[in-house]
Amino acid sequence: MYIGGVDVRGLHHLLWEIVDNSVDEYLAEAADRITVTLHKDGESLTVSDNGRGIPVDKHPKLKKPTLEIILTTLHAGGKFSDKNYARSGGLHGVGSSVVNALSDELVATVHRDGHEWMQRFKRGKPTTDIKKVKPFRGHGTTIFFRPDAEIFRRVQFSSELIRQHLEDISYIHGGLTIVFTTT
């Protein structure tokens, strides 16, 4: 329902949702660079930005890390707060959690508050607690994901489709650097 199907369009829509979150950081004047990497297997991607980094502190009401809530709970994204985003794309608070739910593996790495933080997920559920990995200067979010082959008809991303879509985004958002690589 959220991504339009389990065909090639739905598969690529997962990537657009993660990229849209990074573009929202640019629109909030918090980022100016996005890197999208299509891995050698053609079945997994990594999206990194130099934005603020998804919050990792415990949510005051839910008593779980905010990162975990955003990635596992529908309508928990920052777009529902009128303070965070005046303009945004994507599914408005459900995109990341939908991508997570439809992925066999998702790894979120956040650079924020002087540290690198990491948490792993499978099919929308955390498989690890959030971990403070190491001290880190800088900020941003990196999302690695591998869509679930039990859900999608075929898990094979098109580098040409990705390249074209990213070119469109970079044309629309002058000043935003988007790098697309394959490994």
N, C-alpha and C. Protein backbone atom coordinates (compact mmCIF):
# COMPACT_ATOMS: atom_id res chain seq x y z
N MET A 1 0.82 -1.18 0.00
CA MET A 1 0.00 0.00 0.00
C MET A 1 0.87 1.26 0.00
N TYR A 2 1.92 1.30 0.81
CA TYR A 2 2.72 2.51 0.94
C TYR A 2 3.68 2.72 -0.23
N ILE A 3 4.12 1.64 -0.87
CA ILE A 3 5.12 1.77 -1.92
C ILE A 3 4.56 1.46 -3.30
N GLY A 4 3.29 1.08 -3.40
CA GLY A 4 2.66 0.89 -4.69
C GLY A 4 2.76 -0.50 -5.27
N GLY A 5 3.38 -1.45 -4.62
CA GLY A 5 3.45 -2.81 -5.13
C GLY A 5 4.77 -3.48 -4.79
N VAL A 6 4.88 -4.73 -5.21
CA VAL A 6 6.09 -5.51 -4.94
C VAL A 6 6.86 -5.78 -6.23
N ASP A 7 6.62 -4.93 -7.22
CA ASP A 7 7.32 -5.03 -8.50
C ASP A 7 8.55 -4.12 -8.48
N VAL A 8 9.12 -3.88 -9.65
CA VAL A 8 10.33 -3.07 -9.75
C VAL A 8 10.08 -1.63 -9.27
N ARG A 9 8.89 -1.10 -9.51
CA ARG A 9 8.58 0.26 -9.05
C ARG A 9 8.55 0.33 -7.53
N GLY A 10 7.90 -0.64 -6.91
CA GLY A 10 7.85 -0.68 -5.45
C GLY A 10 9.22 -0.86 -4.85
N LEU A 11 10.02 -1.72 -5.46
CA LEU A 11 11.38 -1.97 -4.99
C LEU A 11 12.19 -0.67 -4.99
N HIS A 12 12.16 0.04 -6.10
CA HIS A 12 12.92 1.29 -6.19
C HIS A 12 12.33 2.39 -5.30
N HIS A 13 11.02 2.29 -5.04
CA HIS A 13 10.40 3.28 -4.16
C HIS A 13 11.02 3.24 -2.76
N LEU A 14 11.50 2.08 -2.33
CA LEU A 14 12.20 1.99 -1.05
C LEU A 14 13.40 2.95 -1.04
N LEU A 15 14.17 2.91 -2.11
CA LEU A 15 15.33 3.80 -2.21
C LEU A 15 14.90 5.26 -2.21
N TRP A 16 13.86 5.58 -2.95
CA TRP A 16 13.42 6.98 -3.03
C TRP A 16 13.03 7.50 -1.65
N GLU A 17 12.43 6.65 -0.83
CA GLU A 17 12.05 7.08 0.52
C GLU A 17 13.27 7.45 1.36
N ILE A 18 14.31 6.63 1.30
CA ILE A 18 15.51 6.93 2.08
C ILE A 18 16.20 8.18 1.52
N VAL A 19 16.28 8.28 0.20
CA VAL A 19 16.87 9.47 -0.42
C VAL A 19 16.06 10.71 -0.06
N ASP A 20 14.74 10.61 -0.08
CA ASP A 20 13.89 11.76 0.28
C ASP A 20 14.19 12.26 1.69
N ASN A 21 14.47 11.35 2.61
CA ASN A 21 14.82 11.77 3.97
C ASN A 21 16.11 12.60 3.97
N SER A 22 17.07 12.18 3.15
CA SER A 22 18.31 12.95 3.04
C SER A 22 18.07 14.29 2.35
N VAL A 23 17.22 14.31 1.33
CA VAL A 23 16.88 15.57 0.67
C VAL A 23 16.20 16.51 1.66
N ASP A 24 15.38 15.96 2.54
CA ASP A 24 14.73 16.80 3.55
C ASP A 24 15.76 17.48 4.45
N GLU A 25 16.86 16.81 4.72
CA GLU A 25 17.94 17.44 5.50
C GLU A 25 18.53 18.61 4.71
N TYR A 26 18.67 18.46 3.41
CA TYR A 26 19.13 19.56 2.56
C TYR A 26 18.12 20.72 2.60
N LEU A 27 16.83 20.39 2.47
CA LEU A 27 15.79 21.43 2.48
C LEU A 27 15.75 22.17 3.81
N ALA A 28 16.15 21.49 4.87
CA ALA A 28 16.20 22.11 6.20
C ALA A 28 17.53 22.85 6.41
N GLU A 29 18.32 22.94 5.34
CA GLU A 29 19.63 23.59 5.37
C GLU A 29 20.58 22.95 6.36
N ALA A 30 20.47 21.63 6.50
CA ALA A 30 21.32 20.89 7.43
C ALA A 30 22.30 19.97 6.71
N ALA A 31 22.15 19.81 5.39
CA ALA A 31 23.01 18.91 4.62
C ALA A 31 23.23 19.50 3.23
N ASP A 32 24.33 19.08 2.60
CA ASP A 32 24.55 19.51 1.22
C ASP A 32 25.10 18.38 0.35
N ARG A 33 25.16 17.15 0.92
CA ARG A 33 25.73 16.03 0.17
C ARG A 33 24.99 14.74 0.51
N ILE A 34 24.69 13.97 -0.54
CA ILE A 34 24.08 12.64 -0.40
C ILE A 34 24.89 11.70 -1.27
N THR A 35 25.22 10.55 -0.73
CA THR A 35 25.90 9.51 -1.50
C THR A 35 25.02 8.27 -1.50
N VAL A 36 24.78 7.75 -2.70
CA VAL A 36 24.00 6.52 -2.87
C VAL A 36 24.93 5.48 -3.48
N THR A 37 25.02 4.33 -2.83
CA THR A 37 25.88 3.25 -3.31
C THR A 37 25.04 2.02 -3.58
N LEU A 38 25.10 1.56 -4.83
CA LEU A 38 24.49 0.28 -5.21
C LEU A 38 25.59 -0.76 -5.09
N HIS A 39 25.36 -1.74 -4.22
CA HIS A 39 26.40 -2.74 -3.97
C HIS A 39 26.47 -3.77 -5.09
N LYS A 40 27.59 -4.45 -5.16
CA LYS A 40 27.92 -5.38 -6.24
C LYS A 40 26.82 -6.42 -6.49
N ASP A 41 26.15 -6.84 -5.42
CA ASP A 41 25.11 -7.86 -5.57
C ASP A 41 23.87 -7.32 -6.29
N GLY A 42 23.74 -5.99 -6.43
CA GLY A 42 22.59 -5.39 -7.09
C GLY A 42 21.32 -5.47 -6.26
N GLU A 43 21.45 -6.01 -5.05
CA GLU A 43 20.29 -6.25 -4.19
C GLU A 43 20.29 -5.41 -2.92
N SER A 44 21.32 -4.60 -2.73
CA SER A 44 21.42 -3.81 -1.51
C SER A 44 21.99 -2.43 -1.84
N LEU A 45 21.62 -1.47 -0.99
CA LEU A 45 22.02 -0.08 -1.20
C LEU A 45 22.43 0.56 0.11
N THR A 46 23.24 1.59 0.00
CA THR A 46 23.59 2.43 1.14
C THR A 46 23.35 3.88 0.74
N VAL A 47 22.66 4.61 1.59
CA VAL A 47 22.43 6.03 1.39
C VAL A 47 23.01 6.77 2.59
N SER A 48 23.90 7.74 2.32
CA SER A 48 24.54 8.54 3.37
C SER A 48 24.30 10.01 3.11
N ASP A 49 24.13 10.76 4.17
CA ASP A 49 24.07 12.22 4.05
C ASP A 49 24.90 12.84 5.15
N ASN A 50 25.15 14.13 5.00
CA ASN A 50 25.90 14.86 6.02
C ASN A 50 24.97 15.81 6.79
N GLY A 51 23.76 15.35 7.02
CA GLY A 51 22.77 16.12 7.78
C GLY A 51 23.02 16.04 9.28
N ARG A 52 21.98 16.33 10.02
CA ARG A 52 22.09 16.40 11.49
C ARG A 52 22.29 15.03 12.13
N GLY A 53 21.89 13.98 11.46
CA GLY A 53 21.90 12.65 12.06
C GLY A 53 20.60 12.41 12.79
N ILE A 54 20.00 11.26 12.58
CA ILE A 54 18.76 10.92 13.27
C ILE A 54 19.03 10.94 14.78
N PRO A 55 18.15 11.53 15.57
CA PRO A 55 18.37 11.54 17.03
C PRO A 55 18.50 10.12 17.59
N VAL A 56 19.39 9.97 18.56
CA VAL A 56 19.64 8.65 19.15
C VAL A 56 19.27 8.60 20.63
N ASP A 57 18.94 9.74 21.21
CA ASP A 57 18.60 9.78 22.64
C ASP A 57 17.28 9.06 22.90
N LYS A 58 17.05 8.70 24.16
CA LYS A 58 15.79 8.02 24.51
C LYS A 58 14.63 8.98 24.37
N HIS A 59 13.57 8.48 23.76
CA HIS A 59 12.35 9.26 23.63
C HIS A 59 11.74 9.43 25.02
N PRO A 60 11.37 10.65 25.42
CA PRO A 60 10.92 10.88 26.80
C PRO A 60 9.65 10.09 27.18
N LYS A 61 8.75 9.87 26.23
CA LYS A 61 7.52 9.14 26.56
C LYS A 61 7.64 7.64 26.34
N LEU A 62 8.29 7.25 25.23
CA LEU A 62 8.33 5.83 24.86
C LEU A 62 9.51 5.08 25.46
N LYS A 63 10.49 5.79 26.01
CA LYS A 63 11.64 5.19 26.71
C LYS A 63 12.45 4.24 25.84
N LYS A 64 12.46 4.50 24.54
CA LYS A 64 13.30 3.77 23.59
C LYS A 64 14.11 4.80 22.81
N PRO A 65 15.22 4.38 22.21
CA PRO A 65 15.97 5.33 21.40
C PRO A 65 15.10 5.88 20.26
N THR A 66 15.21 7.18 20.03
CA THR A 66 14.42 7.81 18.97
C THR A 66 14.71 7.18 17.62
N LEU A 67 15.95 6.81 17.36
CA LEU A 67 16.31 6.13 16.12
C LEU A 67 15.45 4.89 15.92
N GLU A 68 15.34 4.07 16.95
CA GLU A 68 14.55 2.84 16.87
C GLU A 68 13.08 3.16 16.62
N ILE A 69 12.56 4.15 17.27
CA ILE A 69 11.15 4.52 17.09
C ILE A 69 10.89 4.96 15.66
N ILE A 70 11.77 5.82 15.12
CA ILE A 70 11.61 6.31 13.75
C ILE A 70 11.66 5.17 12.75
N LEU A 71 12.51 4.18 13.00
CA LEU A 71 12.68 3.09 12.04
C LEU A 71 11.71 1.93 12.24
N THR A 72 10.91 1.96 13.30
CA THR A 72 10.01 0.82 13.55
C THR A 72 8.55 1.21 13.73
N THR A 73 8.24 2.49 13.80
CA THR A 73 6.89 2.92 14.14
C THR A 73 6.34 3.83 13.05
N LEU A 74 5.18 3.47 12.49
CA LEU A 74 4.55 4.33 11.49
C LEU A 74 4.21 5.68 12.10
N HIS A 75 4.37 6.71 11.30
CA HIS A 75 4.04 8.10 11.67
C HIS A 75 4.90 8.63 12.82
N ALA A 76 6.10 8.07 12.99
CA ALA A 76 6.98 8.55 14.06
C ALA A 76 8.08 9.46 13.54
N GLY A 77 8.13 9.71 12.24
CA GLY A 77 9.21 10.52 11.68
C GLY A 77 9.12 11.97 12.10
N GLY A 78 10.20 12.70 11.89
CA GLY A 78 10.30 14.09 12.30
C GLY A 78 9.41 15.04 11.52
N LYS A 79 8.80 14.57 10.44
CA LYS A 79 8.01 15.45 9.60
C LYS A 79 6.68 15.83 10.24
N PHE A 80 6.31 15.18 11.32
CA PHE A 80 5.06 15.52 11.98
C PHE A 80 5.24 16.65 12.98
N SER A 81 6.47 17.03 13.23
CA SER A 81 6.72 18.17 14.09
C SER A 81 6.86 19.40 13.20
N ASP A 82 6.10 20.44 13.48
CA ASP A 82 6.18 21.64 12.66
C ASP A 82 7.51 22.36 12.82
N LYS A 83 8.34 21.94 13.76
CA LYS A 83 9.64 22.57 13.97
C LYS A 83 10.71 22.02 13.04
N ASN A 84 10.57 20.76 12.62
CA ASN A 84 11.66 20.09 11.91
C ASN A 84 11.71 20.39 10.42
N TYR A 85 10.61 20.28 9.72
CA TYR A 85 10.62 20.41 8.28
C TYR A 85 9.49 21.30 7.80
N ALA A 86 9.85 22.42 7.18
CA ALA A 86 8.83 23.27 6.57
C ALA A 86 8.41 22.68 5.23
N ARG A 87 9.37 21.99 4.56
CA ARG A 87 9.09 21.32 3.29
C ARG A 87 9.70 19.94 3.37
N SER A 88 9.01 18.96 2.81
CA SER A 88 9.58 17.62 2.82
C SER A 88 8.96 16.78 1.73
N GLY A 89 9.67 15.70 1.39
CA GLY A 89 9.16 14.74 0.43
C GLY A 89 8.90 13.43 1.11
N GLY A 90 8.58 12.42 0.33
CA GLY A 90 8.41 11.08 0.88
C GLY A 90 7.04 10.86 1.50
N LEU A 91 6.95 9.86 2.32
CA LEU A 91 5.68 9.40 2.87
C LEU A 91 5.30 10.06 4.19
N HIS A 92 5.96 11.12 4.57
CA HIS A 92 5.58 11.93 5.73
C HIS A 92 5.47 11.14 7.03
N GLY A 93 6.60 10.57 7.43
CA GLY A 93 6.66 9.93 8.73
C GLY A 93 6.55 8.42 8.71
N VAL A 94 6.29 7.83 7.53
CA VAL A 94 6.21 6.36 7.49
C VAL A 94 7.29 5.75 6.60
N GLY A 95 7.97 6.55 5.78
CA GLY A 95 8.90 6.02 4.79
C GLY A 95 9.99 5.12 5.34
N SER A 96 10.73 5.58 6.35
CA SER A 96 11.83 4.79 6.89
C SER A 96 11.33 3.51 7.56
N SER A 97 10.22 3.61 8.27
CA SER A 97 9.70 2.41 8.93
C SER A 97 9.16 1.41 7.91
N VAL A 98 8.63 1.88 6.80
CA VAL A 98 8.16 0.98 5.74
C VAL A 98 9.36 0.30 5.07
N VAL A 99 10.40 1.08 4.76
CA VAL A 99 11.60 0.48 4.17
C VAL A 99 12.16 -0.58 5.11
N ASN A 100 12.22 -0.28 6.39
CA ASN A 100 12.72 -1.23 7.37
C ASN A 100 11.86 -2.50 7.40
N ALA A 101 10.55 -2.32 7.45
CA ALA A 101 9.64 -3.48 7.52
C ALA A 101 9.76 -4.38 6.29
N LEU A 102 10.10 -3.80 5.15
CA LEU A 102 10.18 -4.56 3.90
C LEU A 102 11.61 -4.99 3.56
N SER A 103 12.52 -4.88 4.53
CA SER A 103 13.92 -5.24 4.31
C SER A 103 14.32 -6.43 5.17
N ASP A 104 15.03 -7.33 4.54
CA ASP A 104 15.59 -8.48 5.25
C ASP A 104 16.68 -8.02 6.21
N GLU A 105 17.31 -6.90 5.87
CA GLU A 105 18.36 -6.34 6.70
C GLU A 105 18.40 -4.83 6.51
N LEU A 106 18.52 -4.11 7.61
CA LEU A 106 18.71 -2.66 7.57
C LEU A 106 19.67 -2.31 8.70
N VAL A 107 20.67 -1.51 8.37
CA VAL A 107 21.65 -1.05 9.36
C VAL A 107 21.66 0.47 9.32
N ALA A 108 21.38 1.07 10.46
CA ALA A 108 21.40 2.53 10.58
C ALA A 108 22.66 2.93 11.33
N THR A 109 23.44 3.80 10.71
CA THR A 109 24.64 4.35 11.34
C THR A 109 24.45 5.86 11.42
N VAL A 110 24.59 6.40 12.61
CA VAL A 110 24.35 7.82 12.83
C VAL A 110 25.60 8.46 13.42
N HIS A 111 25.98 9.58 12.86
CA HIS A 111 27.07 10.39 13.41
C HIS A 111 26.42 11.62 14.01
N ARG A 112 26.54 11.69 15.33
CA ARG A 112 25.85 12.75 16.06
C ARG A 112 26.40 12.83 17.48
N ASP A 113 26.38 14.02 18.03
CA ASP A 113 26.76 14.21 19.44
C ASP A 113 28.16 13.69 19.73
N GLY A 114 29.07 13.80 18.75
CA GLY A 114 30.46 13.42 18.96
C GLY A 114 30.75 11.94 18.88
N HIS A 115 29.77 11.14 18.42
CA HIS A 115 29.97 9.69 18.36
C HIS A 115 29.34 9.09 17.10
N GLU A 116 29.76 7.87 16.82
CA GLU A 116 29.09 7.04 15.82
C GLU A 116 28.20 6.06 16.57
N TRP A 117 26.96 5.97 16.14
CA TRP A 117 25.96 5.08 16.74
C TRP A 117 25.48 4.12 15.67
N MET A 118 25.12 2.90 16.08
CA MET A 118 24.66 1.92 15.10
C MET A 118 23.57 1.04 15.70
N GLN A 119 22.61 0.69 14.84
CA GLN A 119 21.59 -0.27 15.22
C GLN A 119 21.20 -1.07 13.99
N ARG A 120 20.96 -2.38 14.21
CA ARG A 120 20.59 -3.31 13.12
C ARG A 120 19.14 -3.75 13.28
N PHE A 121 18.53 -4.03 12.12
CA PHE A 121 17.12 -4.43 12.07
C PHE A 121 16.93 -5.54 11.05
N LYS A 122 15.85 -6.29 11.21
CA LYS A 122 15.45 -7.31 10.25
C LYS A 122 13.92 -7.30 10.20
N ARG A 123 13.41 -7.08 8.99
CA ARG A 123 11.95 -7.05 8.77
C ARG A 123 11.23 -6.15 9.77
N GLY A 124 11.82 -4.99 10.01
CA GLY A 124 11.17 -3.98 10.84
C GLY A 124 11.38 -4.11 12.33
N LYS A 125 12.12 -5.11 12.76
CA LYS A 125 12.35 -5.32 14.19
C LYS A 125 13.84 -5.15 14.50
N PRO A 126 14.15 -4.53 15.64
CA PRO A 126 15.57 -4.41 15.99
C PRO A 126 16.18 -5.78 16.29
N THR A 127 17.38 -6.01 15.79
CA THR A 127 18.11 -7.24 16.12
C THR A 127 19.26 -6.94 17.08
N THR A 128 19.56 -5.66 17.26
CA THR A 128 20.54 -5.24 18.26
C THR A 128 20.00 -3.99 18.94
N ASP A 129 20.52 -3.71 20.10
CA ASP A 129 20.25 -2.43 20.74
C ASP A 129 21.09 -1.38 20.01
N ILE A 130 20.75 -0.13 20.19
CA ILE A 130 21.59 0.93 19.65
C ILE A 130 22.92 0.90 20.41
N LYS A 131 24.01 1.04 19.65
CA LYS A 131 25.34 0.98 20.26
C LYS A 131 26.11 2.24 19.95
N LYS A 132 26.80 2.76 20.94
CA LYS A 132 27.75 3.85 20.73
C LYS A 132 29.04 3.16 20.28
N VAL A 133 29.38 3.32 19.00
CA VAL A 133 30.48 2.57 18.41
C VAL A 133 31.83 3.18 18.73
N LYS A 134 31.96 4.49 18.48
CA LYS A 134 33.26 5.14 18.69
C LYS A 134 33.07 6.65 18.65
N PRO A 135 34.05 7.38 19.18
CA PRO A 135 34.00 8.83 19.03
C PRO A 135 34.08 9.19 17.55
N PHE A 136 33.39 10.25 17.17
CA PHE A 136 33.37 10.63 15.76
C PHE A 136 33.11 12.12 15.64
N ARG A 137 33.92 12.78 14.85
CA ARG A 137 33.69 14.20 14.55
C ARG A 137 32.87 14.26 13.28
N GLY A 138 31.82 15.01 13.30
CA GLY A 138 30.98 15.14 12.13
C GLY A 138 29.55 14.71 12.45
N HIS A 139 28.74 14.70 11.41
CA HIS A 139 27.33 14.40 11.60
C HIS A 139 26.75 13.83 10.31
N GLY A 140 25.66 13.11 10.44
CA GLY A 140 24.98 12.55 9.28
C GLY A 140 24.38 11.20 9.60
N THR A 141 23.68 10.68 8.61
CA THR A 141 23.01 9.39 8.73
C THR A 141 23.37 8.52 7.53
N THR A 142 23.61 7.25 7.79
CA THR A 142 23.85 6.26 6.74
C THR A 142 22.88 5.11 6.96
N ILE A 143 22.15 4.77 5.91
CA ILE A 143 21.21 3.65 5.95
C ILE A 143 21.63 2.63 4.89
N PHE A 144 21.95 1.43 5.34
CA PHE A 144 22.18 0.29 4.45
C PHE A 144 20.93 -0.56 4.52
N PHE A 145 20.41 -1.00 3.36
CA PHE A 145 19.26 -1.92 3.41
C PHE A 145 19.29 -2.91 2.27
N ARG A 146 18.73 -4.08 2.57
CA ARG A 146 18.59 -5.18 1.61
C ARG A 146 17.12 -5.59 1.64
N PRO A 147 16.36 -5.25 0.59
CA PRO A 147 14.93 -5.60 0.58
C PRO A 147 14.71 -7.10 0.70
N ASP A 148 13.57 -7.45 1.25
CA ASP A 148 13.21 -8.83 1.54
C ASP A 148 12.78 -9.57 0.26
N ALA A 149 13.54 -10.59 -0.12
CA ALA A 149 13.24 -11.37 -1.32
C ALA A 149 11.97 -12.19 -1.17
N GLU A 150 11.47 -12.34 0.04
CA GLU A 150 10.20 -13.05 0.24
C GLU A 150 9.01 -12.13 -0.05
N ILE A 151 9.25 -10.84 -0.13
CA ILE A 151 8.17 -9.87 -0.40
C ILE A 151 8.18 -9.42 -1.84
N PHE A 152 9.34 -9.07 -2.37
CA PHE A 152 9.44 -8.53 -3.72
C PHE A 152 9.60 -9.65 -4.74
N ARG A 153 8.96 -9.45 -5.90
CA ARG A 153 9.03 -10.46 -6.96
C ARG A 153 10.47 -10.73 -7.38
N ARG A 154 11.23 -9.67 -7.47
CA ARG A 154 12.64 -9.78 -7.84
C ARG A 154 13.39 -8.65 -7.18
N VAL A 155 14.43 -8.97 -6.45
CA VAL A 155 15.24 -7.96 -5.79
C VAL A 155 16.49 -7.74 -6.63
N GLN A 156 16.38 -6.79 -7.56
CA GLN A 156 17.51 -6.42 -8.40
C GLN A 156 17.30 -4.96 -8.81
N PHE A 157 18.14 -4.09 -8.25
CA PHE A 157 18.02 -2.67 -8.54
C PHE A 157 18.63 -2.34 -9.90
N SER A 158 18.07 -1.35 -10.56
CA SER A 158 18.56 -0.89 -11.86
C SER A 158 19.44 0.34 -11.64
N SER A 159 20.71 0.21 -11.98
CA SER A 159 21.62 1.35 -11.81
C SER A 159 21.21 2.50 -12.73
N GLU A 160 20.69 2.20 -13.90
CA GLU A 160 20.27 3.27 -14.82
C GLU A 160 19.05 4.02 -14.28
N LEU A 161 18.09 3.30 -13.75
CA LEU A 161 16.91 3.94 -13.17
C LEU A 161 17.31 4.82 -11.97
N ILE A 162 18.19 4.31 -11.15
CA ILE A 162 18.67 5.07 -9.99
C ILE A 162 19.40 6.33 -10.46
N ARG A 163 20.31 6.17 -11.41
CA ARG A 163 21.08 7.31 -11.92
C ARG A 163 20.15 8.40 -12.45
N GLN A 164 19.16 8.01 -13.27
CA GLN A 164 18.23 8.99 -13.83
C GLN A 164 17.46 9.72 -12.74
N HIS A 165 16.96 8.98 -11.77
CA HIS A 165 16.17 9.59 -10.70
C HIS A 165 17.03 10.56 -9.87
N LEU A 166 18.26 10.16 -9.57
CA LEU A 166 19.15 11.03 -8.80
C LEU A 166 19.54 12.28 -9.59
N GLU A 167 19.70 12.14 -10.90
CA GLU A 167 19.97 13.32 -11.74
C GLU A 167 18.79 14.28 -11.67
N ASP A 168 17.58 13.76 -11.72
CA ASP A 168 16.38 14.61 -11.61
C ASP A 168 16.37 15.36 -10.28
N ILE A 169 16.66 14.65 -9.21
CA ILE A 169 16.67 15.28 -7.88
C ILE A 169 17.73 16.37 -7.81
N SER A 170 18.92 16.09 -8.33
CA SER A 170 19.98 17.09 -8.25
C SER A 170 19.67 18.30 -9.13
N TYR A 171 18.95 18.11 -10.21
CA TYR A 171 18.56 19.23 -11.05
C TYR A 171 17.56 20.13 -10.31
N ILE A 172 16.62 19.50 -9.64
CA ILE A 172 15.58 20.25 -8.92
C ILE A 172 16.17 21.00 -7.73
N HIS A 173 17.17 20.40 -7.08
CA HIS A 173 17.75 20.97 -5.85
C HIS A 173 19.18 21.45 -6.11
N GLY A 174 19.30 22.59 -6.78
CA GLY A 174 20.62 23.17 -7.05
C GLY A 174 21.36 23.41 -5.74
N GLY A 175 22.63 23.09 -5.72
CA GLY A 175 23.42 23.25 -4.51
C GLY A 175 23.55 21.96 -3.71
N LEU A 176 22.73 20.98 -4.02
CA LEU A 176 22.82 19.67 -3.37
C LEU A 176 23.70 18.78 -4.24
N THR A 177 24.75 18.24 -3.64
CA THR A 177 25.63 17.30 -4.34
C THR A 177 25.12 15.89 -4.09
N ILE A 178 24.86 15.17 -5.17
CA ILE A 178 24.46 13.76 -5.07
C ILE A 178 25.48 12.94 -5.83
N VAL A 179 26.05 11.98 -5.13
CA VAL A 179 27.06 11.09 -5.72
C VAL A 179 26.44 9.70 -5.78
N PHE A 180 26.51 9.08 -6.97
CA PHE A 180 26.02 7.71 -7.13
C PHE A 180 27.20 6.83 -7.50
N THR A 181 27.40 5.78 -6.70
CA THR A 181 28.51 4.86 -6.98
C THR A 181 27.99 3.43 -6.99
N THR A 182 28.74 2.58 -7.64
CA THR A 182 28.48 1.14 -7.60
C THR A 182 29.75 0.47 -7.12
N THR A 183 29.60 -0.61 -6.36
CA THR A 183 30.78 -1.30 -5.85
C THR A 183 30.79 -2.73 -6.35
